[in-house]
C-alpha atoms as a PDB file:
ATOM      1  CA  MET A   1      31.710  15.544 -14.730  1.00  0.00           C
ATOM      2  CA  SER A   2      28.631  16.052 -12.538  1.00  0.00           C
ATOM      3  CA  THR A   3      26.941  13.101 -10.930  1.00  0.00           C
ATOM      4  CA  LEU A   4      23.208  12.669 -10.756  1.00  0.00           C
ATOM      5  CA  THR A   5      21.646  13.362  -7.385  1.00  0.00           C
ATOM      6  CA  LYS A   6      20.096  10.254  -5.917  1.00  0.00           C
ATOM      7  CA  ARG A   7      16.992  11.204  -3.984  1.00  0.00           C
ATOM      8  CA  VAL A   8      14.272   9.681  -1.862  1.00  0.00           C
ATOM      9  CA  LEU A   9      10.682  10.938  -1.999  1.00  0.00           C
ATOM     10  CA  LEU A  10       9.182  10.108   1.382  1.00  0.00           C
ATOM     11  CA  ALA A  11       5.385   9.964   1.422  1.00  0.00           C
ATOM     12  CA  ALA A  12       3.394  11.720   4.118  1.00  0.00           C
ATOM     13  CA  PRO A  13       1.091  10.643   5.609  1.00  0.00           C
ATOM     14  CA  ARG A  14       2.419   7.106   6.058  1.00  0.00           C
ATOM     15  CA  GLY A  15       2.506   4.475   8.775  1.00  0.00           C
ATOM     16  CA  TYR A  16       0.300   4.177  11.838  1.00  0.00           C
ATOM     17  CA  CYS A  17      -3.272   5.375  11.568  1.00  0.00           C
ATOM     18  CA  ALA A  18      -5.381   6.255  14.603  1.00  0.00           C
ATOM     19  CA  GLY A  19      -7.099   2.863  14.704  1.00  0.00           C
ATOM     20  CA  VAL A  20      -3.817   0.944  14.627  1.00  0.00           C
ATOM     21  CA  ASP A  21      -2.243   3.190  17.243  1.00  0.00           C
ATOM     22  CA  ARG A  22      -5.252   2.650  19.523  1.00  0.00           C
ATOM     23  CA  ALA A  23      -5.149  -1.133  19.106  1.00  0.00           C
ATOM     24  CA  VAL A  24      -1.407  -1.497  19.694  1.00  0.00           C
ATOM     25  CA  VAL A  25      -1.498   0.785  22.734  1.00  0.00           C
ATOM     26  CA  ALA A  26      -4.462  -1.211  24.071  1.00  0.00           C
ATOM     27  CA  VAL A  27      -2.357  -4.384  24.158  1.00  0.00           C
ATOM     28  CA  GLU A  28       0.634  -2.529  25.621  1.00  0.00           C
ATOM     29  CA  LYS A  29      -1.515  -0.952  28.355  1.00  0.00           C
ATOM     30  CA  ALA A  30      -3.227  -4.265  29.109  1.00  0.00           C
ATOM     31  CA  LEU A  31       0.160  -5.933  29.603  1.00  0.00           C
ATOM     32  CA  GLU A  32       1.360  -3.087  31.821  1.00  0.00           C
ATOM     33  CA  THR A  33      -1.822  -3.040  33.905  1.00  0.00           C
ATOM     34  CA  TYR A  34      -2.755  -6.709  34.207  1.00  0.00           C
ATOM     35  CA  GLY A  35       0.549  -8.422  33.484  1.00  0.00           C
ATOM     36  CA  ALA A  36       1.261 -11.266  31.070  1.00  0.00           C
ATOM     37  CA  PRO A  37      -0.236 -13.179  29.527  1.00  0.00           C
ATOM     38  CA  VAL A  38      -2.797 -11.166  27.613  1.00  0.00           C
ATOM     39  CA  TYR A  39      -4.420 -13.106  24.783  1.00  0.00           C
ATOM     40  CA  VAL A  40      -5.141 -11.499  21.404  1.00  0.00           C
ATOM     41  CA  ARG A  41      -7.501 -12.971  18.816  1.00  0.00           C
ATOM     42  CA  LYS A  42      -5.737 -12.983  15.424  1.00  0.00           C
ATOM     43  CA  GLU A  43      -3.003 -10.407  14.809  1.00  0.00           C
ATOM     44  CA  ILE A  44      -3.804  -7.180  16.634  1.00  0.00           C
ATOM     45  CA  VAL A  45      -2.808  -5.399  13.397  1.00  0.00           C
ATOM     46  CA  HIS A  46      -1.343  -6.863  10.225  1.00  0.00           C
ATOM     47  CA  ASN A  47       2.345  -6.269  10.840  1.00  0.00           C
ATOM     48  CA  LYS A  48       4.918  -8.953  11.651  1.00  0.00           C
ATOM     49  CA  TYR A  49       7.221  -6.666  13.632  1.00  0.00           C
ATOM     50  CA  VAL A  50       4.394  -5.400  15.844  1.00  0.00           C
ATOM     51  CA  VAL A  51       3.164  -8.937  16.541  1.00  0.00           C
ATOM     52  CA  GLU A  52       6.688 -10.192  17.310  1.00  0.00           C
ATOM     53  CA  THR A  53       7.378  -7.249  19.630  1.00  0.00           C
ATOM     54  CA  LEU A  54       4.130  -7.684  21.563  1.00  0.00           C
ATOM     55  CA  SER A  55       4.735 -11.448  21.789  1.00  0.00           C
ATOM     56  CA  GLU A  56       8.101 -10.752  23.436  1.00  0.00           C
ATOM     57  CA  ARG A  57       6.264  -8.629  26.023  1.00  0.00           C
ATOM     58  CA  GLY A  58       3.830 -11.414  26.883  1.00  0.00           C
ATOM     59  CA  ALA A  59       0.966 -11.194  24.404  1.00  0.00           C
ATOM     60  CA  ILE A  60      -0.274 -14.576  23.163  1.00  0.00           C
ATOM     61  CA  PHE A  61      -1.884 -14.560  19.729  1.00  0.00           C
ATOM     62  CA  VAL A  62      -4.581 -17.131  19.022  1.00  0.00           C
ATOM     63  CA  ASN A  63      -6.853 -17.867  16.101  1.00  0.00           C
ATOM     64  CA  GLU A  64     -10.059 -18.563  18.015  1.00  0.00           C
ATOM     65  CA  THR A  65     -11.565 -18.052  21.438  1.00  0.00           C
ATOM     66  CA  ASP A  66     -11.507 -21.766  22.317  1.00  0.00           C
ATOM     67  CA  GLU A  67      -7.688 -21.520  22.498  1.00  0.00           C
ATOM     68  CA  VAL A  68      -7.980 -19.085  25.420  1.00  0.00           C
ATOM     69  CA  PRO A  69      -8.235 -20.458  28.986  1.00  0.00           C
ATOM     70  CA  GLU A  70     -11.624 -19.841  30.571  1.00  0.00           C
ATOM     71  CA  GLY A  71     -11.756 -16.578  32.483  1.00  0.00           C
ATOM     72  CA  ALA A  72      -8.606 -15.170  30.829  1.00  0.00           C
ATOM     73  CA  ARG A  73      -8.250 -11.729  29.253  1.00  0.00           C
ATOM     74  CA  LEU A  74      -8.721 -11.489  25.462  1.00  0.00           C
ATOM     75  CA  VAL A  75      -8.227  -8.530  23.153  1.00  0.00           C
ATOM     76  CA  PHE A  76     -10.203  -8.352  19.892  1.00  0.00           C
ATOM     77  CA  SER A  77      -8.031  -7.065  17.038  1.00  0.00           C
ATOM     78  CA  ALA A  78      -8.416  -3.776  15.188  1.00  0.00           C
ATOM     79  CA  HIS A  79     -10.154  -5.616  12.330  1.00  0.00           C
ATOM     80  CA  GLY A  80     -13.265  -6.428  14.374  1.00  0.00           C
ATOM     81  CA  VAL A  81     -15.165  -9.626  15.085  1.00  0.00           C
ATOM     82  CA  SER A  82     -18.605 -11.042  14.381  1.00  0.00           C
ATOM     83  CA  PRO A  83     -21.348 -11.428  16.999  1.00  0.00           C
ATOM     84  CA  ALA A  84     -20.658 -15.167  16.984  1.00  0.00           C
ATOM     85  CA  VAL A  85     -17.095 -14.538  18.207  1.00  0.00           C
ATOM     86  CA  ARG A  86     -18.358 -12.264  20.985  1.00  0.00           C
ATOM     87  CA  GLU A  87     -20.835 -14.935  22.062  1.00  0.00           C
ATOM     88  CA  ALA A  88     -18.119 -17.595  22.082  1.00  0.00           C
ATOM     89  CA  ALA A  89     -15.933 -15.355  24.273  1.00  0.00           C
ATOM     90  CA  GLU A  90     -18.820 -14.749  26.662  1.00  0.00           C
ATOM     91  CA  ALA A  91     -19.516 -18.473  26.888  1.00  0.00           C
ATOM     92  CA  ARG A  92     -15.924 -18.977  28.103  1.00  0.00           C
ATOM     93  CA  SER A  93     -16.266 -16.097  30.610  1.00  0.00           C
ATOM     94  CA  LEU A  94     -13.422 -14.242  28.929  1.00  0.00           C
ATOM     95  CA  ASP A  95     -12.593 -10.728  30.069  1.00  0.00           C
ATOM     96  CA  THR A  96     -12.591  -9.009  26.682  1.00  0.00           C
ATOM     97  CA  ILE A  97     -11.099  -5.742  25.489  1.00  0.00           C
ATOM     98  CA  ASP A  98     -12.525  -4.624  22.159  1.00  0.00           C
ATOM     99  CA  ALA A  99      -9.788  -2.913  20.121  1.00  0.00           C
ATOM    100  CA  THR A 100     -11.876  -2.833  16.927  1.00  0.00           C
ATOM    101  CA  CYS A 101     -11.113   0.324  14.942  1.00  0.00           C
ATOM    102  CA  PRO A 102     -14.052   2.735  15.360  1.00  0.00           C
ATOM    103  CA  LEU A 103     -14.189   3.143  11.576  1.00  0.00           C
ATOM    104  CA  VAL A 104     -14.692  -0.615  11.214  1.00  0.00           C
ATOM    105  CA  THR A 105     -17.358  -0.506  13.920  1.00  0.00           C
ATOM    106  CA  LYS A 106     -19.150   2.133  11.834  1.00  0.00           C
ATOM    107  CA  VAL A 107     -19.333  -0.307   8.895  1.00  0.00           C
ATOM    108  CA  HIS A 108     -20.629  -3.054  11.215  1.00  0.00           C
ATOM    109  CA  LYS A 109     -23.444  -0.774  12.338  1.00  0.00           C
ATOM    110  CA  GLU A 110     -24.304   0.011   8.728  1.00  0.00           C
ATOM    111  CA  ALA A 111     -24.611  -3.715   7.982  1.00  0.00           C
ATOM    112  CA  VAL A 112     -26.916  -4.218  10.975  1.00  0.00           C
ATOM    113  CA  ARG A 113     -29.125  -1.281  10.029  1.00  0.00           C
ATOM    114  CA  PHE A 114     -29.471  -2.236   6.359  1.00  0.00           C
ATOM    115  CA  ALA A 115     -30.182  -5.858   7.277  1.00  0.00           C
ATOM    116  CA  LYS A 116     -32.920  -4.710   9.652  1.00  0.00           C
ATOM    117  CA  ASP A 117     -34.482  -2.880   6.692  1.00  0.00           C
ATOM    118  CA  ASP A 118     -34.178  -6.135   4.674  1.00  0.00           C
ATOM    119  CA  TYR A 119     -31.691  -4.880   2.079  1.00  0.00           C
ATOM    120  CA  ASP A 120     -29.341  -7.109   0.119  1.00  0.00           C
ATOM    121  CA  ILE A 121     -25.926  -5.840   1.222  1.00  0.00           C
ATOM    122  CA  LEU A 122     -23.025  -6.040  -1.242  1.00  0.00           C
ATOM    123  CA  LEU A 123     -19.822  -5.951   0.787  1.00  0.00           C
ATOM    124  CA  ILE A 124     -16.911  -4.919  -1.410  1.00  0.00           C
ATOM    125  CA  GLY A 125     -13.845  -6.557   0.091  1.00  0.00           C
ATOM    126  CA  HIS A 126     -11.660  -9.618   0.147  1.00  0.00           C
ATOM    127  CA  ASP A 127     -12.985 -13.013   1.247  1.00  0.00           C
ATOM    128  CA  GLY A 128     -11.012 -14.373   4.171  1.00  0.00           C
ATOM    129  CA  HIS A 129      -9.881 -11.003   5.515  1.00  0.00           C
ATOM    130  CA  GLU A 130     -10.749 -10.704   9.216  1.00  0.00           C
ATOM    131  CA  GLU A 131     -12.514  -7.388   8.718  1.00  0.00           C
ATOM    132  CA  VAL A 132     -14.765  -8.843   6.017  1.00  0.00           C
ATOM    133  CA  GLU A 133     -15.535 -11.907   8.146  1.00  0.00           C
ATOM    134  CA  GLY A 134     -16.511  -9.688  11.073  1.00  0.00           C
ATOM    135  CA  THR A 135     -18.696  -7.356   9.012  1.00  0.00           C
ATOM    136  CA  ALA A 136     -20.412 -10.171   7.102  1.00  0.00           C
ATOM    137  CA  GLY A 137     -21.021 -11.940  10.410  1.00  0.00           C
ATOM    138  CA  GLU A 138     -23.251  -9.072  11.548  1.00  0.00           C
ATOM    139  CA  ALA A 139     -25.862 -10.030   8.940  1.00  0.00           C
ATOM    140  CA  PRO A 140     -24.863 -13.288   7.238  1.00  0.00           C
ATOM    141  CA  ASP A 141     -28.259 -13.797   5.581  1.00  0.00           C
ATOM    142  CA  HIS A 142     -28.126 -10.385   3.908  1.00  0.00           C
ATOM    143  CA  VAL A 143     -24.444  -9.911   3.004  1.00  0.00           C
ATOM    144  CA  GLN A 144     -22.594 -11.182  -0.031  1.00  0.00           C
ATOM    145  CA  VAL A 145     -18.940 -10.326  -0.671  1.00  0.00           C
ATOM    146  CA  VAL A 146     -17.847  -8.827  -3.983  1.00  0.00           C
ATOM    147  CA  ASN A 147     -14.074  -9.249  -4.314  1.00  0.00           C
ATOM    148  CA  SER A 148     -13.469  -7.224  -7.472  1.00  0.00           C
ATOM    149  CA  PRO A 149     -15.155  -5.518 -10.435  1.00  0.00           C
ATOM    150  CA  ASP A 150     -14.888  -8.800 -12.344  1.00  0.00           C
ATOM    151  CA  GLU A 151     -17.287 -10.500  -9.917  1.00  0.00           C
ATOM    152  CA  VAL A 152     -20.133  -8.056 -10.497  1.00  0.00           C
ATOM    153  CA  ASP A 153     -21.696 -10.159 -13.263  1.00  0.00           C
ATOM    154  CA  GLU A 154     -22.132 -13.051 -10.801  1.00  0.00           C
ATOM    155  CA  VAL A 155     -24.045 -11.014  -8.204  1.00  0.00           C
ATOM    156  CA  VAL A 156     -27.669 -12.033  -7.727  1.00  0.00           C
ATOM    157  CA  VAL A 157     -30.062 -10.179  -5.397  1.00  0.00           C
ATOM    158  CA  ARG A 158     -33.638 -10.750  -4.281  1.00  0.00           C
ATOM    159  CA  ASP A 159     -34.939  -7.276  -5.144  1.00  0.00           C
ATOM    160  CA  PRO A 160     -32.908  -4.932  -7.369  1.00  0.00           C
ATOM    161  CA  ALA A 161     -34.745  -1.998  -5.804  1.00  0.00           C
ATOM    162  CA  LYS A 162     -33.403  -2.828  -2.333  1.00  0.00           C
ATOM    163  CA  VAL A 163     -29.637  -3.126  -2.721  1.00  0.00           C
ATOM    164  CA  VAL A 164     -26.892  -1.229  -0.905  1.00  0.00           C
ATOM    165  CA  TRP A 165     -23.100  -1.425  -1.007  1.00  0.00           C
ATOM    166  CA  ILE A 166     -20.637  -1.102   1.856  1.00  0.00           C
ATOM    167  CA  SER A 167     -16.906  -1.817   1.851  1.00  0.00           C
ATOM    168  CA  GLN A 168     -13.868  -3.051   3.683  1.00  0.00           C
ATOM    169  CA  THR A 169     -12.043   0.008   5.034  1.00  0.00           C
ATOM    170  CA  THR A 170      -8.591  -0.752   3.584  1.00  0.00           C
ATOM    171  CA  LEU A 171      -9.270  -1.126  -0.126  1.00  0.00           C
ATOM    172  CA  SER A 172      -7.965   0.692  -3.177  1.00  0.00           C
ATOM    173  CA  VAL A 173     -10.231   3.682  -3.635  1.00  0.00           C
ATOM    174  CA  ASP A 174     -10.064   3.480  -7.435  1.00  0.00           C
ATOM    175  CA  GLU A 175     -10.822  -0.243  -7.663  1.00  0.00           C
ATOM    176  CA  THR A 176     -13.665   0.076  -5.165  1.00  0.00           C
ATOM    177  CA  MET A 177     -15.284   2.871  -7.143  1.00  0.00           C
ATOM    178  CA  GLU A 178     -14.916   0.848 -10.339  1.00  0.00           C
ATOM    179  CA  THR A 179     -16.728  -2.024  -8.606  1.00  0.00           C
ATOM    180  CA  VAL A 180     -19.456   0.395  -7.504  1.00  0.00           C
ATOM    181  CA  ARG A 181     -19.740   1.772 -11.028  1.00  0.00           C
ATOM    182  CA  ARG A 182     -20.308  -1.704 -12.465  1.00  0.00           C
ATOM    183  CA  LEU A 183     -22.740  -2.604  -9.689  1.00  0.00           C
ATOM    184  CA  ARG A 184     -24.754   0.544 -10.412  1.00  0.00           C
ATOM    185  CA  GLU A 185     -24.895  -0.340 -14.099  1.00  0.00           C
ATOM    186  CA  LYS A 186     -26.422  -3.676 -13.102  1.00  0.00           C
ATOM    187  CA  PHE A 187     -28.564  -2.303 -10.261  1.00  0.00           C
ATOM    188  CA  PRO A 188     -29.522   1.334 -11.038  1.00  0.00           C
ATOM    189  CA  SER A 189     -31.252   1.688  -7.650  1.00  0.00           C
ATOM    190  CA  LEU A 190     -28.087   0.719  -5.760  1.00  0.00           C
ATOM    191  CA  GLN A 191     -27.805   2.790  -2.593  1.00  0.00           C
ATOM    192  CA  ASP A 192     -24.590   4.239  -1.182  1.00  0.00           C
ATOM    193  CA  PRO A 193     -23.583   3.924   2.470  1.00  0.00           C
ATOM    194  CA  PRO A 194     -24.349   7.066   4.507  1.00  0.00           C
ATOM    195  CA  SER A 195     -20.658   7.982   4.535  1.00  0.00           C
ATOM    196  CA  ASP A 196     -17.448   6.797   2.913  1.00  0.00           C
ATOM    197  CA  ASP A 197     -16.406   3.393   4.270  1.00  0.00           C
ATOM    198  CA  ILE A 198     -12.789   3.412   3.054  1.00  0.00           C
ATOM    199  CA  CYS A 199     -10.895   4.922   5.955  1.00  0.00           C
ATOM    200  CA  TYR A 200      -9.302   8.355   5.830  1.00  0.00           C
ATOM    201  CA  ALA A 201      -5.826   6.889   6.434  1.00  0.00           C
ATOM    202  CA  THR A 202      -6.088   4.416   3.557  1.00  0.00           C
ATOM    203  CA  GLN A 203      -7.170   7.204   1.216  1.00  0.00           C
ATOM    204  CA  ASN A 204      -4.498   9.624   2.444  1.00  0.00           C
ATOM    205  CA  ARG A 205      -1.700   7.096   1.937  1.00  0.00           C
ATOM    206  CA  GLN A 206      -2.906   6.295  -1.551  1.00  0.00           C
ATOM    207  CA  VAL A 207      -3.114   9.986  -2.476  1.00  0.00           C
ATOM    208  CA  ALA A 208       0.440  10.582  -1.260  1.00  0.00           C
ATOM    209  CA  VAL A 209       1.755   7.652  -3.301  1.00  0.00           C
ATOM    210  CA  LYS A 210      -0.096   8.844  -6.388  1.00  0.00           C
ATOM    211  CA  LYS A 211       1.652  12.195  -6.097  1.00  0.00           C
ATOM    212  CA  LEU A 212       5.205  10.867  -5.862  1.00  0.00           C
ATOM    213  CA  ALA A 213       4.961   7.722  -8.026  1.00  0.00           C
ATOM    214  CA  PRO A 214       5.247   9.379 -11.472  1.00  0.00           C
ATOM    215  CA  GLU A 215       8.719  10.682 -10.542  1.00  0.00           C
ATOM    216  CA  CYS A 216       9.983   7.388  -9.116  1.00  0.00           C
ATOM    217  CA  ASP A 217      12.110   4.680 -10.680  1.00  0.00           C
ATOM    218  CA  VAL A 218      11.238   2.500  -7.698  1.00  0.00           C
ATOM    219  CA  VAL A 219       8.644   2.761  -4.928  1.00  0.00           C
ATOM    220  CA  ILE A 220       9.269   0.757  -1.757  1.00  0.00           C
ATOM    221  CA  VAL A 221       6.228   0.100   0.425  1.00  0.00           C
ATOM    222  CA  VAL A 222       6.980  -1.038   3.958  1.00  0.00           C
ATOM    223  CA  GLY A 223       4.269  -3.402   5.185  1.00  0.00           C
ATOM    224  CA  SER A 224       3.411  -7.054   5.720  1.00  0.00           C
ATOM    225  CA  ALA A 225       2.011  -9.379   3.073  1.00  0.00           C
ATOM    226  CA  ASN A 226      -1.300  -9.790   4.928  1.00  0.00           C
ATOM    227  CA  SER A 227      -1.776  -6.039   5.219  1.00  0.00           C
ATOM    228  CA  SER A 228      -4.444  -5.209   2.654  1.00  0.00           C
ATOM    229  CA  ASN A 229      -3.709  -1.490   2.586  1.00  0.00           C
ATOM    230  CA  SER A 230       0.048  -2.095   2.164  1.00  0.00           C
ATOM    231  CA  VAL A 231      -0.504  -4.430  -0.787  1.00  0.00           C
ATOM    232  CA  ARG A 232      -2.854  -1.851  -2.319  1.00  0.00           C
ATOM    233  CA  LEU A 233      -0.137   0.831  -2.081  1.00  0.00           C
ATOM    234  CA  VAL A 234       2.100  -1.216  -4.386  1.00  0.00           C
ATOM    235  CA  GLU A 235      -0.728  -1.458  -6.914  1.00  0.00           C
ATOM    236  CA  VAL A 236      -1.529   2.248  -6.613  1.00  0.00           C
ATOM    237  CA  ALA A 237       2.129   3.191  -7.145  1.00  0.00           C
ATOM    238  CA  LEU A 238       2.336   1.167 -10.361  1.00  0.00           C
ATOM    239  CA  GLN A 239      -0.974   2.487 -11.655  1.00  0.00           C
ATOM    240  CA  ALA A 240       0.148   6.047 -10.929  1.00  0.00           C
ATOM    241  CA  GLY A 241       3.301   5.740 -13.014  1.00  0.00           C
ATOM    242  CA  ALA A 242       6.106   4.295 -10.897  1.00  0.00           C
ATOM    243  CA  ARG A 243       8.470   2.258 -13.046  1.00  0.00           C
ATOM    244  CA  SER A 244       8.538  -0.481 -10.405  1.00  0.00           C
ATOM    245  CA  ALA A 245       7.190  -1.002  -6.895  1.00  0.00           C
ATOM    246  CA  TYR A 246       7.872  -3.541  -4.156  1.00  0.00           C
ATOM    247  CA  ARG A 247       6.595  -4.384  -0.685  1.00  0.00           C
ATOM    248  CA  VAL A 248       9.004  -5.281   2.124  1.00  0.00           C
ATOM    249  CA  ASP A 249       8.542  -6.095   5.793  1.00  0.00           C
ATOM    250  CA  ARG A 250      11.860  -4.520   6.675  1.00  0.00           C
ATOM    251  CA  ALA A 251      14.996  -2.992   5.164  1.00  0.00           C
ATOM    252  CA  THR A 252      16.877  -6.277   4.895  1.00  0.00           C
ATOM    253  CA  GLU A 253      14.386  -7.393   2.224  1.00  0.00           C
ATOM    254  CA  VAL A 254      15.290  -4.562  -0.179  1.00  0.00           C
ATOM    255  CA  ALA A 255      17.101  -6.245  -3.092  1.00  0.00           C
ATOM    256  CA  PRO A 256      20.184  -4.349  -4.352  1.00  0.00           C
ATOM    257  CA  GLU A 257      19.177  -4.909  -7.978  1.00  0.00           C
ATOM    258  CA  TRP A 258      15.974  -2.901  -7.444  1.00  0.00           C
ATOM    259  CA  LEU A 259      18.146   0.193  -7.110  1.00  0.00           C
ATOM    260  CA  ASP A 260      20.350  -0.440 -10.147  1.00  0.00           C
ATOM    261  CA  GLY A 261      20.170   2.614 -12.400  1.00  0.00           C
ATOM    262  CA  ALA A 262      17.612   4.333 -10.166  1.00  0.00           C
ATOM    263  CA  THR A 263      17.928   8.011  -9.276  1.00  0.00           C
ATOM    264  CA  THR A 264      14.598   8.523  -7.475  1.00  0.00           C
ATOM    265  CA  VAL A 265      13.145   6.089  -4.944  1.00  0.00           C
ATOM    266  CA  GLY A 266       9.752   6.599  -3.327  1.00  0.00           C
ATOM    267  CA  VAL A 267       9.162   5.279   0.183  1.00  0.00           C
ATOM    268  CA  THR A 268       5.933   4.848   2.097  1.00  0.00           C
ATOM    269  CA  SER A 269       4.386   2.459   4.602  1.00  0.00           C
ATOM    270  CA  GLY A 270       1.046   0.862   5.321  1.00  0.00           C
ATOM    271  CA  ALA A 271      -1.242   1.994   8.120  1.00  0.00           C
ATOM    272  CA  SER A 272      -0.046  -0.707  10.545  1.00  0.00           C
ATOM    273  CA  VAL A 273       3.697  -0.038  10.185  1.00  0.00           C
ATOM    274  CA  PRO A 274       5.789   1.573  12.962  1.00  0.00           C
ATOM    275  CA  GLU A 275       8.017   4.418  11.791  1.00  0.00           C
ATOM    276  CA  ILE A 276      11.210   2.690  12.899  1.00  0.00           C
ATOM    277  CA  LEU A 277      10.863   0.247   9.980  1.00  0.00           C
ATOM    278  CA  VAL A 278      10.636   3.142   7.508  1.00  0.00           C
ATOM    279  CA  ARG A 279      13.685   4.794   9.079  1.00  0.00           C
ATOM    280  CA  ASP A 280      15.653   1.576   8.568  1.00  0.00           C
ATOM    281  CA  VAL A 281      14.800   1.652   4.854  1.00  0.00           C
ATOM    282  CA  ILE A 282      15.848   5.310   4.632  1.00  0.00           C
ATOM    283  CA  SER A 283      19.163   4.463   6.327  1.00  0.00           C
ATOM    284  CA  LEU A 284      19.786   1.630   3.866  1.00  0.00           C
ATOM    285  CA  LEU A 285      19.065   3.933   0.927  1.00  0.00           C
ATOM    286  CA  GLU A 286      21.402   6.587   2.337  1.00  0.00           C
ATOM    287  CA  GLU A 287      24.148   3.942   2.476  1.00  0.00           C
ATOM    288  CA  ARG A 288      23.523   3.337  -1.237  1.00  0.00           C
ATOM    289  CA  GLY A 289      23.938   7.028  -2.041  1.00  0.00           C
ATOM    290  CA  PHE A 290      20.307   8.158  -1.841  1.00  0.00           C
ATOM    291  CA  ASP A 291      21.082  10.898   0.672  1.00  0.00           C
ATOM    292  CA  ASP A 292      18.693  13.607  -0.547  1.00  0.00           C
ATOM    293  CA  VAL A 293      15.463  12.831   1.327  1.00  0.00           C
ATOM    294  CA  GLN A 294      12.457  14.985   0.430  1.00  0.00           C
ATOM    295  CA  GLU A 295       9.083  14.618   2.125  1.00  0.00           C
ATOM    296  CA  VAL A 296       6.025  14.689  -0.146  1.00  0.00           C
ATOM    297  CA  ARG A 297       3.096  15.676   2.072  1.00  0.00           C
ATOM    298  CA  THR A 298      -0.480  15.659   0.833  1.00  0.00           C
ATOM    299  CA  ALA A 299      -2.340  15.762   4.176  1.00  0.00           C
ATOM    300  CA  THR A 300      -1.797  16.179   7.899  1.00  0.00           C
ATOM    301  CA  GLU A 301      -3.481  13.724  10.253  1.00  0.00           C
ATOM    302  CA  ASP A 302      -4.317  14.617  13.839  1.00  0.00           C
ATOM    303  CA  LEU A 303      -7.125  12.167  14.605  1.00  0.00           C
ATOM    304  CA  MET A 304      -6.785  10.133  17.802  1.00  0.00           C
ATOM    305  CA  PHE A 305      -9.256   7.582  19.180  1.00  0.00           C
ATOM    306  CA  SER A 306      -9.792   7.005  22.890  1.00  0.00           C
ATOM    307  CA  LEU A 307      -8.734   3.616  24.240  1.00  0.00           C
ATOM    308  CA  PRO A 308     -11.337   0.815  24.456  1.00  0.00           C
ATOM    309  CA  ARG A 309     -13.870   1.498  27.222  1.00  0.00           C
ATOM    310  CA  GLU A 310     -13.155  -1.819  28.987  1.00  0.00           C
ATOM    311  CA  LEU A 311      -9.485  -0.873  29.229  1.00  0.00           C
ATOM    312  CA  ARG A 312     -10.234   2.670  30.361  1.00  0.00           C
ATOM    313  CA  ALA A 313     -12.371   1.236  33.164  1.00  0.00           C
ATOM    314  CA  GLY A 314      -9.551  -1.115  34.159  1.00  0.00           C
ATOM    315  CA  LEU A 315      -6.982   1.684  34.129  1.00  0.00           C
ATOM    316  CA  LYS A 316      -9.228   3.855  36.277  1.00  0.00           C
ATOM    317  CA  ALA A 317      -9.739   1.032  38.776  1.00  0.00           C
ATOM    318  CA  ALA A 318      -5.969   0.557  38.937  1.00  0.00           C
ATOM    319  CA  GLY A 319      -5.465   4.266  39.606  1.00  0.00           C
ATOM    320  CA  GLU A 320      -3.848   4.856  36.213  1.00  0.00           C
ATOM    321  CA  ASP A 321      -4.837   7.243  33.444  1.00  0.00           C
ATOM    322  CA  ASP A 322      -5.406   6.468  29.786  1.00  0.00           C
ATOM    323  CA  LYS A 323      -3.229   9.276  28.472  1.00  0.00           C
ATOM    324  CA  ARG A 324      -0.632   8.387  25.893  1.00  0.00           C
ATOM    325  CA  PRO A 325       1.774  10.287  23.633  1.00  0.00           C
ATOM    326  CA  ARG A 326       0.744  11.185  20.123  1.00  0.00           C
ATOM    327  CA  LYS A 327       1.539   8.331  17.769  1.00  0.00           C
ATOM    328  CA  GLU A 328       4.146  10.362  15.893  1.00  0.00           C
ATOM    329  CA  THR A 329       6.079  11.072  19.106  1.00  0.00           C
ATOM    330  CA  ARG A 330       5.873   7.647  20.755  1.00  0.00           C
ATOM    331  CA  LYS A 331       9.262   6.133  21.408  1.00  0.00           C
ATOM    332  CA  GLU A 332       9.787   3.166  19.108  1.00  0.00           C
ATOM    333  CA  LEU A 333      11.369  -0.038  20.340  1.00  0.00           C
ATOM    334  CA  PRO A 334      14.779  -0.908  18.868  1.00  0.00           C
ATOM    335  CA  LEU A 335      14.910  -3.759  16.399  1.00  0.00           C
ATOM    336  CA  ALA A 336      15.676  -7.131  17.947  1.00  0.00           C
END
């Protein structure tokens, strides 16, 4: 009697995007160059393992600038900060390194420009997320957050002829476009941002999951609970036809019952997840008999951002360069 082949469909692209890689390396380089402690406002990226690993190296994570000693070094996270946060850091004479993802910075600049032209700006995103707080803080009198399509009916603007939408970079593409569709029904003159705000990495990871999900009994998304793009991948997998989908921080959280009766398991990871965590999940699945691993690739990413200018200046002054290995070849730290 033949036995069914148990297989894993491994999504590609997955894991670190260019903005996350840049931000994590910025903290690593700062620690190497200046020594510990280096303070970081909020989580540098939304991943527990990354934060724990950097903490062990000497990074100190704080919620606000007033927790940082005057004159100390502070890194702004990949999610960006508002002008008010920058002013508070300056008032404490903090030596700041801005690790904001350049794609988030692009959205900030859009908010500033549209506010200058006196538009009502509808920011599609999630209240409370650091990226949304930073973007809204660029033009608080002009921005209102729209969390979902269901909130569109509550939106009120001053002039329906002067309305524009922008978005958080890590959202579900489909849900965002549904929100835009409903907004345009309400405000026919609604303007689009000059270019797509949802980042390339978020879109690429969602496309890859959509391709493999219909064949999967289970999809496992590696990523932390506060990672917006990781949470979205679970939703996208279910909407695309996966029979079930779960998010885990690491392999030890995979419940054995999820695999009962399954023959095909999809695996992917959010844009702030180091590859070592995915490899641990693959190893666990192989131990359970899922030893046929097939990569499902829908795009190849080769984008890399330069390190923050403040850090590059510091490295140059210290006689060091800012070169670093490609993110897919960087040596990962072993699990603690």
